[in-house]
Amino acid sequence: MCLVTRESKEVSELIRFTLIGNEVKVDPLHKLGGRGYYISKDKEVIEEAKKRNLIHKILKVEVSSDFYDELLSLL
């Protein structure tokens, strides 16, 4: 399920990221440890999450703009 839109989708339609300590890491290969979260492979969803700072608000950790750039590079 997409953390931002709350839509259930196939894993192939989502990008996984994980929270390791207090740092959010993109996990395209689904191999990193930690609690996994997903966001839709959709430019508009990622840009909306960045604009509204949604991942920071949901996970309560600082999220760099590099994180969002990395998500966009996986589209």
PDB file of N, CA and C in Angstrom:
ATOM      1  N   MET A   1       0.850  -1.177   0.000  1.00  0.00           N
ATOM      2  CA  MET A   1       0.000   0.000   0.000  1.00  0.00           C
ATOM      3  C   MET A   1       0.897   1.242   0.000  1.00  0.00           C
ATOM      4  N   CYS A   2       0.515   2.217  -0.790  1.00  0.00           N
ATOM      5  CA  CYS A   2       1.252   3.478  -0.874  1.00  0.00           C
ATOM      6  C   CYS A   2       1.041   4.268   0.421  1.00  0.00           C
ATOM      7  N   LEU A   3       2.134   4.702   1.023  1.00  0.00           N
ATOM      8  CA  LEU A   3       2.074   5.458   2.265  1.00  0.00           C
ATOM      9  C   LEU A   3       1.379   6.808   2.078  1.00  0.00           C
ATOM     10  N   VAL A   4       1.467   7.366   0.889  1.00  0.00           N
ATOM     11  CA  VAL A   4       0.927   8.695   0.625  1.00  0.00           C
ATOM     12  C   VAL A   4      -0.546   8.642   0.225  1.00  0.00           C
ATOM     13  N   THR A   5      -0.880   7.803  -0.765  1.00  0.00           N
ATOM     14  CA  THR A   5      -2.249   7.762  -1.282  1.00  0.00           C
ATOM     15  C   THR A   5      -3.128   6.742  -0.567  1.00  0.00           C
ATOM     16  N   ARG A   6      -2.507   5.819   0.163  1.00  0.00           N
ATOM     17  CA  ARG A   6      -3.206   4.741   0.878  1.00  0.00           C
ATOM     18  C   ARG A   6      -3.879   3.761  -0.085  1.00  0.00           C
ATOM     19  N   GLU A   7      -3.436   3.714  -1.339  1.00  0.00           N
ATOM     20  CA  GLU A   7      -3.973   2.793  -2.334  1.00  0.00           C
ATOM     21  C   GLU A   7      -3.201   1.476  -2.288  1.00  0.00           C
ATOM     22  N   SER A   8      -3.917   0.366  -2.359  1.00  0.00           N
ATOM     23  CA  SER A   8      -3.275  -0.939  -2.467  1.00  0.00           C
ATOM     24  C   SER A   8      -2.897  -1.164  -3.920  1.00  0.00           C
ATOM     25  N   LYS A   9      -1.640  -1.527  -4.133  1.00  0.00           N
ATOM     26  CA  LYS A   9      -1.131  -1.759  -5.484  1.00  0.00           C
ATOM     27  C   LYS A   9      -0.204  -2.958  -5.459  1.00  0.00           C
ATOM     28  N   GLU A  10       0.104  -3.471  -6.645  1.00  0.00           N
ATOM     29  CA  GLU A  10       1.091  -4.529  -6.780  1.00  0.00           C
ATOM     30  C   GLU A  10       2.458  -3.961  -6.380  1.00  0.00           C
ATOM     31  N   VAL A  11       3.313  -4.823  -5.845  1.00  0.00           N
ATOM     32  CA  VAL A  11       4.642  -4.386  -5.411  1.00  0.00           C
ATOM     33  C   VAL A  11       5.422  -3.789  -6.582  1.00  0.00           C
ATOM     34  N   SER A  12       5.191  -4.295  -7.785  1.00  0.00           N
ATOM     35  CA  SER A  12       5.894  -3.781  -8.957  1.00  0.00           C
ATOM     36  C   SER A  12       5.514  -2.329  -9.282  1.00  0.00           C
ATOM     37  N   GLU A  13       4.416  -1.846  -8.730  1.00  0.00           N
ATOM     38  CA  GLU A  13       3.961  -0.477  -8.963  1.00  0.00           C
ATOM     39  C   GLU A  13       4.375   0.460  -7.840  1.00  0.00           C
ATOM     40  N   LEU A  14       5.179  -0.037  -6.901  1.00  0.00           N
ATOM     41  CA  LEU A  14       5.578   0.732  -5.727  1.00  0.00           C
ATOM     42  C   LEU A  14       7.095   0.771  -5.601  1.00  0.00           C
ATOM     43  N   ILE A  15       7.602   1.786  -4.923  1.00  0.00           N
ATOM     44  CA  ILE A  15       9.021   1.877  -4.567  1.00  0.00           C
ATOM     45  C   ILE A  15       9.114   1.698  -3.064  1.00  0.00           C
ATOM     46  N   ARG A  16       9.987   0.795  -2.621  1.00  0.00           N
ATOM     47  CA  ARG A  16      10.152   0.535  -1.189  1.00  0.00           C
ATOM     48  C   ARG A  16      11.223   1.467  -0.629  1.00  0.00           C
ATOM     49  N   PHE A  17      10.985   1.940   0.559  1.00  0.00           N
ATOM     50  CA  PHE A  17      12.016   2.643   1.321  1.00  0.00           C
ATOM     51  C   PHE A  17      11.901   2.183   2.759  1.00  0.00           C
ATOM     52  N   THR A  18      12.963   2.379   3.498  1.00  0.00           N
ATOM     53  CA  THR A  18      13.001   1.866   4.859  1.00  0.00           C
ATOM     54  C   THR A  18      13.584   2.901   5.798  1.00  0.00           C
ATOM     55  N   LEU A  19      13.271   2.748   7.040  1.00  0.00           N
ATOM     56  CA  LEU A  19      13.766   3.635   8.085  1.00  0.00           C
ATOM     57  C   LEU A  19      14.838   2.877   8.855  1.00  0.00           C
ATOM     58  N   ILE A  20      16.072   3.328   8.739  1.00  0.00           N
ATOM     59  CA  ILE A  20      17.188   2.716   9.447  1.00  0.00           C
ATOM     60  C   ILE A  20      17.720   3.758  10.413  1.00  0.00           C
ATOM     61  N   GLY A  21      17.516   3.505  11.693  1.00  0.00           N
ATOM     62  CA  GLY A  21      17.843   4.514  12.696  1.00  0.00           C
ATOM     63  C   GLY A  21      16.909   5.692  12.509  1.00  0.00           C
ATOM     64  N   ASN A  22      17.472   6.853  12.261  1.00  0.00           N
ATOM     65  CA  ASN A  22      16.660   8.049  11.990  1.00  0.00           C
ATOM     66  C   ASN A  22      16.836   8.512  10.553  1.00  0.00           C
ATOM     67  N   GLU A  23      17.222   7.591   9.673  1.00  0.00           N
ATOM     68  CA  GLU A  23      17.468   7.952   8.283  1.00  0.00           C
ATOM     69  C   GLU A  23      16.586   7.125   7.356  1.00  0.00           C
ATOM     70  N   VAL A  24      15.995   7.798   6.387  1.00  0.00           N
ATOM     71  CA  VAL A  24      15.149   7.130   5.400  1.00  0.00           C
ATOM     72  C   VAL A  24      16.020   6.776   4.202  1.00  0.00           C
ATOM     73  N   LYS A  25      15.982   5.496   3.787  1.00  0.00           N
ATOM     74  CA  LYS A  25      16.790   5.013   2.672  1.00  0.00           C
ATOM     75  C   LYS A  25      15.888   4.375   1.629  1.00  0.00           C
ATOM     76  N   VAL A  26      16.142   4.674   0.373  1.00  0.00           N
ATOM     77  CA  VAL A  26      15.429   4.032  -0.722  1.00  0.00           C
ATOM     78  C   VAL A  26      15.958   2.605  -0.848  1.00  0.00           C
ATOM     79  N   ASP A  27      15.054   1.643  -1.061  1.00  0.00           N
ATOM     80  CA  ASP A  27      15.419   0.235  -1.121  1.00  0.00           C
ATOM     81  C   ASP A  27      14.811  -0.419  -2.366  1.00  0.00           C
ATOM     82  N   PRO A  28      15.339  -0.109  -3.554  1.00  0.00           N
ATOM     83  CA  PRO A  28      14.742  -0.634  -4.782  1.00  0.00           C
ATOM     84  C   PRO A  28      14.862  -2.152  -4.924  1.00  0.00           C
ATOM     85  N   LEU A  29      15.831  -2.767  -4.261  1.00  0.00           N
ATOM     86  CA  LEU A  29      16.021  -4.216  -4.366  1.00  0.00           C
ATOM     87  C   LEU A  29      15.334  -4.992  -3.246  1.00  0.00           C
ATOM     88  N   HIS A  30      14.696  -4.286  -2.332  1.00  0.00           N
ATOM     89  CA  HIS A  30      13.950  -4.901  -1.222  1.00  0.00           C
ATOM     90  C   HIS A  30      14.851  -5.778  -0.357  1.00  0.00           C
ATOM     91  N   LYS A  31      16.070  -5.332  -0.111  1.00  0.00           N
ATOM     92  CA  LYS A  31      17.012  -6.136   0.665  1.00  0.00           C
ATOM     93  C   LYS A  31      17.466  -5.485   1.958  1.00  0.00           C
ATOM     94  N   LEU A  32      17.181  -4.203   2.142  1.00  0.00           N
ATOM     95  CA  LEU A  32      17.592  -3.533   3.377  1.00  0.00           C
ATOM     96  C   LEU A  32      16.710  -3.987   4.527  1.00  0.00           C
ATOM     97  N   GLY A  33      17.288  -4.016   5.699  1.00  0.00           N
ATOM     98  CA  GLY A  33      16.525  -4.369   6.882  1.00  0.00           C
ATOM     99  C   GLY A  33      15.656  -3.205   7.320  1.00  0.00           C
ATOM    100  N   GLY A  34      14.976  -3.393   8.405  1.00  0.00           N
ATOM    101  CA  GLY A  34      14.136  -2.327   8.934  1.00  0.00           C
ATOM    102  C   GLY A  34      12.727  -2.400   8.399  1.00  0.00           C
ATOM    103  N   ARG A  35      11.874  -1.592   8.944  1.00  0.00           N
ATOM    104  CA  ARG A  35      10.468  -1.542   8.557  1.00  0.00           C
ATOM    105  C   ARG A  35      10.361  -0.943   7.164  1.00  0.00           C
ATOM    106  N   GLY A  36       9.736  -1.646   6.253  1.00  0.00           N
ATOM    107  CA  GLY A  36       9.604  -1.177   4.883  1.00  0.00           C
ATOM    108  C   GLY A  36       8.334  -0.368   4.680  1.00  0.00           C
ATOM    109  N   TYR A  37       8.436   0.686   3.903  1.00  0.00           N
ATOM    110  CA  TYR A  37       7.313   1.521   3.523  1.00  0.00           C
ATOM    111  C   TYR A  37       7.326   1.631   2.006  1.00  0.00           C
ATOM    112  N   TYR A  38       6.189   1.949   1.436  1.00  0.00           N
ATOM    113  CA  TYR A  38       6.091   2.007  -0.022  1.00  0.00           C
ATOM    114  C   TYR A  38       5.429   3.300  -0.472  1.00  0.00           C
ATOM    115  N   ILE A  39       5.854   3.746  -1.668  1.00  0.00           N
ATOM    116  CA  ILE A  39       5.249   4.904  -2.314  1.00  0.00           C
ATOM    117  C   ILE A  39       5.022   4.535  -3.780  1.00  0.00           C
ATOM    118  N   SER A  40       3.956   5.035  -4.351  1.00  0.00           N
ATOM    119  CA  SER A  40       3.616   4.730  -5.741  1.00  0.00           C
ATOM    120  C   SER A  40       4.696   5.219  -6.693  1.00  0.00           C
ATOM    121  N   LYS A  41       4.917   4.445  -7.758  1.00  0.00           N
ATOM    122  CA  LYS A  41       5.824   4.857  -8.824  1.00  0.00           C
ATOM    123  C   LYS A  41       5.080   5.842  -9.708  1.00  0.00           C
ATOM    124  N   ASP A  42       4.877   7.023  -9.182  1.00  0.00           N
ATOM    125  CA  ASP A  42       4.106   8.055  -9.871  1.00  0.00           C
ATOM    126  C   ASP A  42       4.742   9.396  -9.543  1.00  0.00           C
ATOM    127  N   LYS A  43       5.186  10.096 -10.565  1.00  0.00           N
ATOM    128  CA  LYS A  43       5.874  11.373 -10.373  1.00  0.00           C
ATOM    129  C   LYS A  43       5.023  12.352  -9.567  1.00  0.00           C
ATOM    130  N   GLU A  44       3.729  12.409  -9.853  1.00  0.00           N
ATOM    131  CA  GLU A  44       2.848  13.343  -9.152  1.00  0.00           C
ATOM    132  C   GLU A  44       2.735  13.017  -7.665  1.00  0.00           C
ATOM    133  N   VAL A  45       2.681  11.725  -7.328  1.00  0.00           N
ATOM    134  CA  VAL A  45       2.584  11.311  -5.924  1.00  0.00           C
ATOM    135  C   VAL A  45       3.864  11.683  -5.183  1.00  0.00           C
ATOM    136  N   ILE A  46       5.002  11.415  -5.799  1.00  0.00           N
ATOM    137  CA  ILE A  46       6.288  11.732  -5.160  1.00  0.00           C
ATOM    138  C   ILE A  46       6.442  13.238  -4.984  1.00  0.00           C
ATOM    139  N   GLU A  47       6.084  13.999  -5.999  1.00  0.00           N
ATOM    140  CA  GLU A  47       6.190  15.456  -5.899  1.00  0.00           C
ATOM    141  C   GLU A  47       5.226  16.018  -4.859  1.00  0.00           C
ATOM    142  N   GLU A  48       4.033  15.444  -4.746  1.00  0.00           N
ATOM    143  CA  GLU A  48       3.073  15.877  -3.723  1.00  0.00           C
ATOM    144  C   GLU A  48       3.607  15.571  -2.321  1.00  0.00           C
ATOM    145  N   ALA A  49       4.209  14.383  -2.152  1.00  0.00           N
ATOM    146  CA  ALA A  49       4.791  14.011  -0.859  1.00  0.00           C
ATOM    147  C   ALA A  49       5.905  14.986  -0.475  1.00  0.00           C
ATOM    148  N   LYS A  50       6.715  15.371  -1.465  1.00  0.00           N
ATOM    149  CA  LYS A  50       7.801  16.318  -1.204  1.00  0.00           C
ATOM    150  C   LYS A  50       7.249  17.701  -0.872  1.00  0.00           C
ATOM    151  N   LYS A  51       6.305  18.154  -1.674  1.00  0.00           N
ATOM    152  CA  LYS A  51       5.735  19.489  -1.488  1.00  0.00           C
ATOM    153  C   LYS A  51       5.079  19.642  -0.113  1.00  0.00           C
ATOM    154  N   ARG A  52       4.333  18.621   0.289  1.00  0.00           N
ATOM    155  CA  ARG A  52       3.606  18.682   1.566  1.00  0.00           C
ATOM    156  C   ARG A  52       4.403  18.087   2.732  1.00  0.00           C
ATOM    157  N   ASN A  53       5.635  17.617   2.453  1.00  0.00           N
ATOM    158  CA  ASN A  53       6.506  17.049   3.482  1.00  0.00           C
ATOM    159  C   ASN A  53       5.828  15.877   4.208  1.00  0.00           C
ATOM    160  N   LEU A  54       5.113  15.051   3.454  1.00  0.00           N
ATOM    161  CA  LEU A  54       4.287  13.990   4.039  1.00  0.00           C
ATOM    162  C   LEU A  54       5.087  12.884   4.710  1.00  0.00           C
ATOM    163  N   ILE A  55       6.198  12.484   4.112  1.00  0.00           N
ATOM    164  CA  ILE A  55       6.964  11.381   4.711  1.00  0.00           C
ATOM    165  C   ILE A  55       7.538  11.815   6.055  1.00  0.00           C
ATOM    166  N   HIS A  56       7.989  13.046   6.154  1.00  0.00           N
ATOM    167  CA  HIS A  56       8.459  13.578   7.437  1.00  0.00           C
ATOM    168  C   HIS A  56       7.326  13.570   8.468  1.00  0.00           C
ATOM    169  N   LYS A  57       6.157  14.008   8.062  1.00  0.00           N
ATOM    170  CA  LYS A  57       5.027  14.069   8.992  1.00  0.00           C
ATOM    171  C   LYS A  57       4.584  12.689   9.445  1.00  0.00           C
ATOM    172  N   ILE A  58       4.615  11.702   8.550  1.00  0.00           N
ATOM    173  CA  ILE A  58       4.161  10.359   8.889  1.00  0.00           C
ATOM    174  C   ILE A  58       5.189   9.611   9.727  1.00  0.00           C
ATOM    175  N   LEU A  59       6.466   9.666   9.312  1.00  0.00           N
ATOM    176  CA  LEU A  59       7.511   8.886   9.990  1.00  0.00           C
ATOM    177  C   LEU A  59       8.219   9.645  11.105  1.00  0.00           C
ATOM    178  N   LYS A  60       7.998  10.945  11.183  1.00  0.00           N
ATOM    179  CA  LYS A  60       8.598  11.773  12.236  1.00  0.00           C
ATOM    180  C   LYS A  60      10.131  11.783  12.185  1.00  0.00           C
ATOM    181  N   VAL A  61      10.679  11.807  10.967  1.00  0.00           N
ATOM    182  CA  VAL A  61      12.128  11.927  10.774  1.00  0.00           C
ATOM    183  C   VAL A  61      12.385  12.944   9.669  1.00  0.00           C
ATOM    184  N   GLU A  62      13.576  13.516   9.674  1.00  0.00           N
ATOM    185  CA  GLU A  62      13.949  14.462   8.636  1.00  0.00           C
ATOM    186  C   GLU A  62      14.165  13.714   7.321  1.00  0.00           C
ATOM    187  N   VAL A  63      13.677  14.296   6.243  1.00  0.00           N
ATOM    188  CA  VAL A  63      13.810  13.692   4.923  1.00  0.00           C
ATOM    189  C   VAL A  63      14.451  14.731   4.011  1.00  0.00           C
ATOM    190  N   SER A  64      15.584  14.354   3.417  1.00  0.00           N
ATOM    191  CA  SER A  64      16.303  15.292   2.558  1.00  0.00           C
ATOM    192  C   SER A  64      15.684  15.334   1.170  1.00  0.00           C
ATOM    193  N   SER A  65      15.964  16.395   0.441  1.00  0.00           N
ATOM    194  CA  SER A  65      15.457  16.492  -0.929  1.00  0.00           C
ATOM    195  C   SER A  65      16.152  15.466  -1.820  1.00  0.00           C
ATOM    196  N   ASP A  66      17.360  15.027  -1.426  1.00  0.00           N
ATOM    197  CA  ASP A  66      18.060  13.975  -2.170  1.00  0.00           C
ATOM    198  C   ASP A  66      17.263  12.677  -2.169  1.00  0.00           C
ATOM    199  N   PHE A  67      16.551  12.408  -1.079  1.00  0.00           N
ATOM    200  CA  PHE A  67      15.715  11.208  -0.988  1.00  0.00           C
ATOM    201  C   PHE A  67      14.647  11.248  -2.078  1.00  0.00           C
ATOM    202  N   TYR A  68      13.987  12.376  -2.231  1.00  0.00           N
ATOM    203  CA  TYR A  68      12.949  12.508  -3.244  1.00  0.00           C
ATOM    204  C   TYR A  68      13.542  12.441  -4.650  1.00  0.00           C
ATOM    205  N   ASP A  69      14.738  13.025  -4.839  1.00  0.00           N
ATOM    206  CA  ASP A  69      15.412  12.943  -6.132  1.00  0.00           C
ATOM    207  C   ASP A  69      15.717  11.486  -6.479  1.00  0.00           C
ATOM    208  N   GLU A  70      16.127  10.716  -5.494  1.00  0.00           N
ATOM    209  CA  GLU A  70      16.430   9.300  -5.724  1.00  0.00           C
ATOM    210  C   GLU A  70      15.147   8.533  -6.081  1.00  0.00           C
ATOM    211  N   LEU A  71      14.037   8.849  -5.408  1.00  0.00           N
ATOM    212  CA  LEU A  71      12.761   8.217  -5.758  1.00  0.00           C
ATOM    213  C   LEU A  71      12.389   8.536  -7.214  1.00  0.00           C
ATOM    214  N   LEU A  72      12.527   9.789  -7.598  1.00  0.00           N
ATOM    215  CA  LEU A  72      12.188  10.182  -8.961  1.00  0.00           C
ATOM    216  C   LEU A  72      13.100   9.519  -9.993  1.00  0.00           C
ATOM    217  N   SER A  73      14.340   9.261  -9.626  1.00  0.00           N
ATOM    218  CA  SER A  73      15.264   8.615 -10.564  1.00  0.00           C
ATOM    219  C   SER A  73      14.893   7.166 -10.835  1.00  0.00           C
ATOM    220  N   LEU A  74      14.087   6.566  -9.971  1.00  0.00           N
ATOM    221  CA  LEU A  74      13.675   5.164 -10.134  1.00  0.00           C
ATOM    222  C   LEU A  74      12.436   5.007 -11.013  1.00  0.00           C
ATOM    223  N   LEU A  75      11.853   6.089 -11.458  1.00  0.00           N
ATOM    224  CA  LEU A  75      10.654   6.005 -12.309  1.00  0.00           C
ATOM    225  C   LEU A  75      11.008   5.575 -13.717  1.00  0.00           C
TER     226      LEU A  75
END
